[in-house]
Amino acid sequence: MFVKQIFEKFNNKNKNGKLSLDEFLEAVLAFSLNISEEEVTQMFKEIDVDGDGELSSDEFASSVDKIEFHAAMIGLGKECTEEKCAEMLKTADVDGDGYLSFEEFMVTIIGEF
C-alpha cells in the first residue's frame, strides 16, 4: 500500500487532510502490533513538525519508514523499541540519504553483508 493510500484510508474521521493522534494510532497499530500506545504518541509528537496536533501527508510520510523498520525488526524477533529503532536507522544510514539501501538494512540485521 502506498503512503498516500494509507494516509487517505486512516484520515476517515473528519476528512480534513490531516491525521489526528487517534487516526495515526489506528494506522500504526494496523501495521505494527508490537508497539505501545505511548511509543506511538511519542512518535506522533516527534513528527508533528509544525506542532498543530495533526499530521499533514508530508509529516505522515516521514513516519512510514520508522514504522516499517520497527515492524520488520519485531518480525525478525529482534528486541527493538521505537527509540532504539530510530537510533539504529540513523546509524545504519551510512550514506546519509535518509533511506536504507538493501545492503545497509542487511548490515543492521545480520551485522555484515
N, C-alpha and C. Protein backbone atom coordinates (compact mmCIF):
# COMPACT_ATOMS: atom_id res chain seq x y z
N MET A 1 0.86 -1.18 0.00
CA MET A 1 0.00 0.00 0.00
C MET A 1 0.90 1.24 0.00
N PHE A 2 0.61 2.19 -0.83
CA PHE A 2 1.40 3.40 -0.92
C PHE A 2 1.06 4.33 0.24
N VAL A 3 2.01 5.21 0.57
CA VAL A 3 1.85 6.12 1.71
C VAL A 3 0.59 6.96 1.56
N LYS A 4 0.34 7.49 0.36
CA LYS A 4 -0.85 8.33 0.15
C LYS A 4 -2.13 7.54 0.40
N GLN A 5 -2.16 6.29 -0.05
CA GLN A 5 -3.34 5.45 0.17
C GLN A 5 -3.54 5.15 1.65
N ILE A 6 -2.46 4.89 2.35
CA ILE A 6 -2.55 4.65 3.79
C ILE A 6 -3.08 5.90 4.48
N PHE A 7 -2.52 7.06 4.12
CA PHE A 7 -2.95 8.33 4.72
C PHE A 7 -4.44 8.54 4.50
N GLU A 8 -4.90 8.35 3.26
CA GLU A 8 -6.31 8.57 2.94
C GLU A 8 -7.22 7.56 3.64
N LYS A 9 -6.75 6.31 3.77
CA LYS A 9 -7.55 5.28 4.44
C LYS A 9 -7.80 5.64 5.90
N PHE A 10 -6.80 6.18 6.58
CA PHE A 10 -6.95 6.44 8.01
C PHE A 10 -7.38 7.88 8.33
N ASN A 11 -7.44 8.75 7.32
CA ASN A 11 -7.96 10.10 7.51
C ASN A 11 -9.47 10.04 7.33
N ASN A 12 -10.11 9.21 8.15
CA ASN A 12 -11.51 8.91 7.94
C ASN A 12 -12.47 9.59 8.91
N LYS A 13 -11.96 10.17 9.96
CA LYS A 13 -12.87 10.74 10.96
C LYS A 13 -13.43 12.10 10.52
N ASN A 14 -12.54 12.99 10.07
CA ASN A 14 -13.03 14.31 9.70
C ASN A 14 -12.66 14.72 8.27
N LYS A 15 -11.90 13.88 7.58
CA LYS A 15 -11.52 14.13 6.18
C LYS A 15 -10.98 15.54 5.96
N ASN A 16 -10.19 16.05 6.91
CA ASN A 16 -9.66 17.40 6.80
C ASN A 16 -8.27 17.45 6.17
N GLY A 17 -7.78 16.30 5.69
CA GLY A 17 -6.46 16.28 5.07
C GLY A 17 -5.33 16.16 6.06
N LYS A 18 -5.63 15.92 7.32
CA LYS A 18 -4.62 15.72 8.35
C LYS A 18 -5.05 14.59 9.25
N LEU A 19 -4.07 13.91 9.84
CA LEU A 19 -4.37 12.82 10.76
C LEU A 19 -4.30 13.31 12.21
N SER A 20 -5.34 12.99 12.95
CA SER A 20 -5.33 13.26 14.39
C SER A 20 -4.48 12.18 15.06
N LEU A 21 -4.19 12.35 16.33
CA LEU A 21 -3.46 11.32 17.07
C LEU A 21 -4.21 10.00 17.04
N ASP A 22 -5.53 10.03 17.21
CA ASP A 22 -6.32 8.79 17.17
C ASP A 22 -6.22 8.10 15.82
N GLU A 23 -6.29 8.86 14.74
CA GLU A 23 -6.19 8.29 13.40
C GLU A 23 -4.79 7.71 13.17
N PHE A 24 -3.76 8.43 13.63
CA PHE A 24 -2.39 7.96 13.49
C PHE A 24 -2.18 6.68 14.29
N LEU A 25 -2.71 6.64 15.51
CA LEU A 25 -2.61 5.47 16.35
C LEU A 25 -3.24 4.26 15.66
N GLU A 26 -4.41 4.46 15.09
CA GLU A 26 -5.10 3.39 14.36
C GLU A 26 -4.24 2.89 13.19
N ALA A 27 -3.63 3.81 12.45
CA ALA A 27 -2.80 3.44 11.31
C ALA A 27 -1.58 2.66 11.75
N VAL A 28 -0.89 3.14 12.77
CA VAL A 28 0.33 2.46 13.23
C VAL A 28 0.01 1.07 13.76
N LEU A 29 -1.02 0.97 14.57
CA LEU A 29 -1.37 -0.32 15.16
C LEU A 29 -1.86 -1.32 14.11
N ALA A 30 -2.36 -0.83 12.99
CA ALA A 30 -2.78 -1.72 11.90
C ALA A 30 -1.57 -2.42 11.27
N PHE A 31 -0.41 -1.78 11.34
CA PHE A 31 0.78 -2.33 10.71
C PHE A 31 1.80 -2.89 11.69
N SER A 32 1.72 -2.51 12.94
CA SER A 32 2.71 -2.96 13.93
C SER A 32 2.03 -3.17 15.27
N LEU A 33 1.73 -4.41 15.58
CA LEU A 33 1.03 -4.71 16.82
C LEU A 33 1.95 -4.68 18.03
N ASN A 34 3.24 -4.67 17.81
CA ASN A 34 4.20 -4.75 18.91
C ASN A 34 4.77 -3.40 19.29
N ILE A 35 3.97 -2.38 19.22
CA ILE A 35 4.39 -1.04 19.61
C ILE A 35 3.32 -0.51 20.57
N SER A 36 3.77 0.13 21.62
CA SER A 36 2.82 0.59 22.63
C SER A 36 2.18 1.92 22.22
N GLU A 37 1.05 2.21 22.83
CA GLU A 37 0.39 3.49 22.57
C GLU A 37 1.29 4.65 22.98
N GLU A 38 2.06 4.46 24.05
CA GLU A 38 2.98 5.51 24.49
C GLU A 38 4.05 5.79 23.43
N GLU A 39 4.58 4.71 22.81
CA GLU A 39 5.58 4.90 21.76
C GLU A 39 4.97 5.60 20.55
N VAL A 40 3.73 5.25 20.21
CA VAL A 40 3.05 5.89 19.07
C VAL A 40 2.82 7.37 19.38
N THR A 41 2.39 7.67 20.58
CA THR A 41 2.16 9.07 20.97
C THR A 41 3.45 9.87 20.89
N GLN A 42 4.55 9.29 21.38
CA GLN A 42 5.84 9.97 21.31
C GLN A 42 6.27 10.18 19.86
N MET A 43 6.07 9.15 19.02
CA MET A 43 6.41 9.26 17.61
C MET A 43 5.59 10.38 16.96
N PHE A 44 4.30 10.43 17.29
CA PHE A 44 3.41 11.45 16.75
C PHE A 44 3.94 12.85 17.08
N LYS A 45 4.33 13.05 18.33
CA LYS A 45 4.85 14.35 18.75
C LYS A 45 6.12 14.71 18.01
N GLU A 46 6.97 13.72 17.78
CA GLU A 46 8.24 13.97 17.09
C GLU A 46 8.05 14.33 15.62
N ILE A 47 7.06 13.73 14.97
CA ILE A 47 6.90 14.00 13.54
C ILE A 47 5.91 15.12 13.24
N ASP A 48 5.22 15.60 14.26
CA ASP A 48 4.32 16.75 14.10
C ASP A 48 5.17 18.02 14.10
N VAL A 49 5.85 18.24 12.98
CA VAL A 49 6.86 19.29 12.86
C VAL A 49 6.30 20.67 13.17
N ASP A 50 5.11 20.97 12.67
CA ASP A 50 4.56 22.31 12.89
C ASP A 50 3.83 22.45 14.23
N GLY A 51 3.72 21.35 14.97
CA GLY A 51 3.15 21.39 16.31
C GLY A 51 1.67 21.71 16.40
N ASP A 52 0.93 21.45 15.30
CA ASP A 52 -0.50 21.79 15.32
C ASP A 52 -1.39 20.67 15.87
N GLY A 53 -0.77 19.56 16.30
CA GLY A 53 -1.54 18.46 16.87
C GLY A 53 -2.15 17.54 15.84
N GLU A 54 -1.81 17.73 14.58
CA GLU A 54 -2.28 16.87 13.49
C GLU A 54 -1.11 16.66 12.53
N LEU A 55 -1.17 15.57 11.77
CA LEU A 55 -0.12 15.27 10.81
C LEU A 55 -0.58 15.52 9.39
N SER A 56 0.19 16.33 8.68
CA SER A 56 -0.06 16.51 7.25
C SER A 56 0.40 15.25 6.53
N SER A 57 0.09 15.14 5.25
CA SER A 57 0.52 13.96 4.50
C SER A 57 2.04 13.87 4.46
N ASP A 58 2.73 15.01 4.38
CA ASP A 58 4.20 15.01 4.37
C ASP A 58 4.76 14.54 5.71
N GLU A 59 4.18 15.04 6.80
CA GLU A 59 4.63 14.61 8.12
C GLU A 59 4.39 13.11 8.30
N PHE A 60 3.24 12.63 7.84
CA PHE A 60 2.92 11.20 7.94
C PHE A 60 3.91 10.38 7.13
N ALA A 61 4.22 10.82 5.92
CA ALA A 61 5.15 10.08 5.06
C ALA A 61 6.50 9.90 5.74
N SER A 62 6.93 10.88 6.52
CA SER A 62 8.22 10.78 7.20
C SER A 62 8.20 9.70 8.28
N SER A 63 7.03 9.33 8.76
CA SER A 63 6.94 8.33 9.82
C SER A 63 6.89 6.91 9.29
N VAL A 64 6.52 6.74 8.04
CA VAL A 64 6.29 5.40 7.50
C VAL A 64 7.55 4.55 7.55
N ASP A 65 8.70 5.13 7.21
CA ASP A 65 9.94 4.36 7.26
C ASP A 65 10.23 3.85 8.67
N LYS A 66 10.01 4.70 9.67
CA LYS A 66 10.23 4.28 11.06
C LYS A 66 9.31 3.12 11.43
N ILE A 67 8.05 3.23 11.05
CA ILE A 67 7.07 2.20 11.38
C ILE A 67 7.43 0.88 10.70
N GLU A 68 7.78 0.95 9.41
CA GLU A 68 8.13 -0.26 8.68
C GLU A 68 9.37 -0.93 9.26
N PHE A 69 10.37 -0.12 9.61
CA PHE A 69 11.60 -0.67 10.17
C PHE A 69 11.31 -1.33 11.52
N HIS A 70 10.53 -0.66 12.35
CA HIS A 70 10.17 -1.21 13.66
C HIS A 70 9.45 -2.55 13.47
N ALA A 71 8.48 -2.59 12.57
CA ALA A 71 7.72 -3.83 12.33
C ALA A 71 8.63 -4.93 11.81
N ALA A 72 9.56 -4.59 10.93
CA ALA A 72 10.49 -5.59 10.39
C ALA A 72 11.38 -6.16 11.49
N MET A 73 11.89 -5.31 12.35
CA MET A 73 12.76 -5.77 13.42
C MET A 73 12.00 -6.69 14.37
N ILE A 74 10.80 -6.31 14.74
CA ILE A 74 9.99 -7.15 15.63
C ILE A 74 9.67 -8.48 14.94
N GLY A 75 9.32 -8.40 13.66
CA GLY A 75 9.02 -9.61 12.90
C GLY A 75 10.19 -10.56 12.80
N LEU A 76 11.40 -10.02 12.84
CA LEU A 76 12.60 -10.85 12.79
C LEU A 76 13.02 -11.34 14.19
N GLY A 77 12.20 -10.99 15.18
CA GLY A 77 12.49 -11.44 16.54
C GLY A 77 13.52 -10.60 17.27
N LYS A 78 13.78 -9.40 16.76
CA LYS A 78 14.76 -8.51 17.39
C LYS A 78 14.05 -7.61 18.40
N GLU A 79 14.63 -7.47 19.57
CA GLU A 79 14.10 -6.56 20.59
C GLU A 79 14.37 -5.13 20.11
N CYS A 80 13.32 -4.35 19.94
CA CYS A 80 13.52 -3.02 19.36
C CYS A 80 12.38 -2.08 19.75
N THR A 81 12.68 -1.14 20.64
CA THR A 81 11.70 -0.09 20.92
C THR A 81 11.73 0.89 19.76
N GLU A 82 10.74 1.74 19.68
CA GLU A 82 10.71 2.75 18.60
C GLU A 82 11.94 3.64 18.68
N GLU A 83 12.34 4.03 19.89
CA GLU A 83 13.52 4.89 20.05
C GLU A 83 14.79 4.18 19.60
N LYS A 84 14.93 2.90 19.99
CA LYS A 84 16.09 2.13 19.60
C LYS A 84 16.13 1.94 18.08
N CYS A 85 14.98 1.68 17.48
CA CYS A 85 14.90 1.53 16.03
C CYS A 85 15.29 2.82 15.32
N ALA A 86 14.82 3.95 15.82
CA ALA A 86 15.17 5.24 15.21
C ALA A 86 16.67 5.47 15.26
N GLU A 87 17.29 5.13 16.38
CA GLU A 87 18.74 5.27 16.51
C GLU A 87 19.46 4.32 15.57
N MET A 88 18.95 3.10 15.46
CA MET A 88 19.54 2.13 14.54
C MET A 88 19.45 2.61 13.10
N LEU A 89 18.31 3.22 12.74
CA LEU A 89 18.16 3.75 11.38
C LEU A 89 19.20 4.82 11.10
N LYS A 90 19.39 5.73 12.06
CA LYS A 90 20.39 6.79 11.88
C LYS A 90 21.77 6.19 11.69
N THR A 91 22.11 5.21 12.50
CA THR A 91 23.43 4.58 12.43
C THR A 91 23.60 3.79 11.14
N ALA A 92 22.56 3.08 10.73
CA ALA A 92 22.64 2.22 9.55
C ALA A 92 22.68 3.00 8.24
N ASP A 93 22.15 4.21 8.23
CA ASP A 93 22.09 5.04 7.01
C ASP A 93 23.47 5.64 6.74
N VAL A 94 24.40 4.78 6.30
CA VAL A 94 25.80 5.15 6.14
C VAL A 94 25.98 6.32 5.18
N ASP A 95 25.23 6.33 4.07
CA ASP A 95 25.40 7.40 3.09
C ASP A 95 24.61 8.66 3.44
N GLY A 96 23.82 8.62 4.51
CA GLY A 96 23.12 9.81 4.99
C GLY A 96 22.02 10.32 4.09
N ASP A 97 21.46 9.46 3.23
CA ASP A 97 20.43 9.93 2.31
C ASP A 97 19.01 9.88 2.88
N GLY A 98 18.89 9.41 4.14
CA GLY A 98 17.58 9.34 4.76
C GLY A 98 16.83 8.06 4.48
N TYR A 99 17.44 7.15 3.73
CA TYR A 99 16.83 5.87 3.38
C TYR A 99 17.84 4.75 3.62
N LEU A 100 17.34 3.55 3.87
CA LEU A 100 18.23 2.40 3.98
C LEU A 100 18.22 1.62 2.67
N SER A 101 19.41 1.43 2.13
CA SER A 101 19.53 0.53 0.98
C SER A 101 19.41 -0.89 1.50
N PHE A 102 19.27 -1.83 0.59
CA PHE A 102 19.20 -3.23 1.00
C PHE A 102 20.45 -3.62 1.78
N GLU A 103 21.61 -3.19 1.28
CA GLU A 103 22.86 -3.53 1.93
C GLU A 103 22.93 -2.93 3.34
N GLU A 104 22.53 -1.67 3.50
CA GLU A 104 22.53 -1.03 4.82
C GLU A 104 21.58 -1.76 5.78
N PHE A 105 20.42 -2.17 5.27
CA PHE A 105 19.46 -2.90 6.09
C PHE A 105 20.04 -4.24 6.53
N MET A 106 20.65 -4.97 5.60
CA MET A 106 21.20 -6.28 5.93
C MET A 106 22.32 -6.18 6.95
N VAL A 107 23.16 -5.17 6.85
CA VAL A 107 24.22 -4.98 7.83
C VAL A 107 23.60 -4.75 9.21
N THR A 108 22.52 -4.04 9.27
CA THR A 108 21.83 -3.79 10.55
C THR A 108 21.27 -5.09 11.10
N ILE A 109 20.72 -5.94 10.27
CA ILE A 109 20.08 -7.17 10.70
C ILE A 109 21.08 -8.25 11.08
N ILE A 110 22.05 -8.50 10.20
CA ILE A 110 22.95 -9.64 10.44
C ILE A 110 24.37 -9.22 10.80
N GLY A 111 24.66 -7.94 10.76
CA GLY A 111 25.97 -7.48 11.18
C GLY A 111 26.98 -7.34 10.06
N GLU A 112 26.74 -8.01 8.97
CA GLU A 112 27.61 -7.88 7.80
C GLU A 112 26.84 -8.37 6.59
N PHE A 113 27.29 -7.96 5.44
CA PHE A 113 26.62 -8.39 4.21
C PHE A 113 27.61 -8.47 3.09
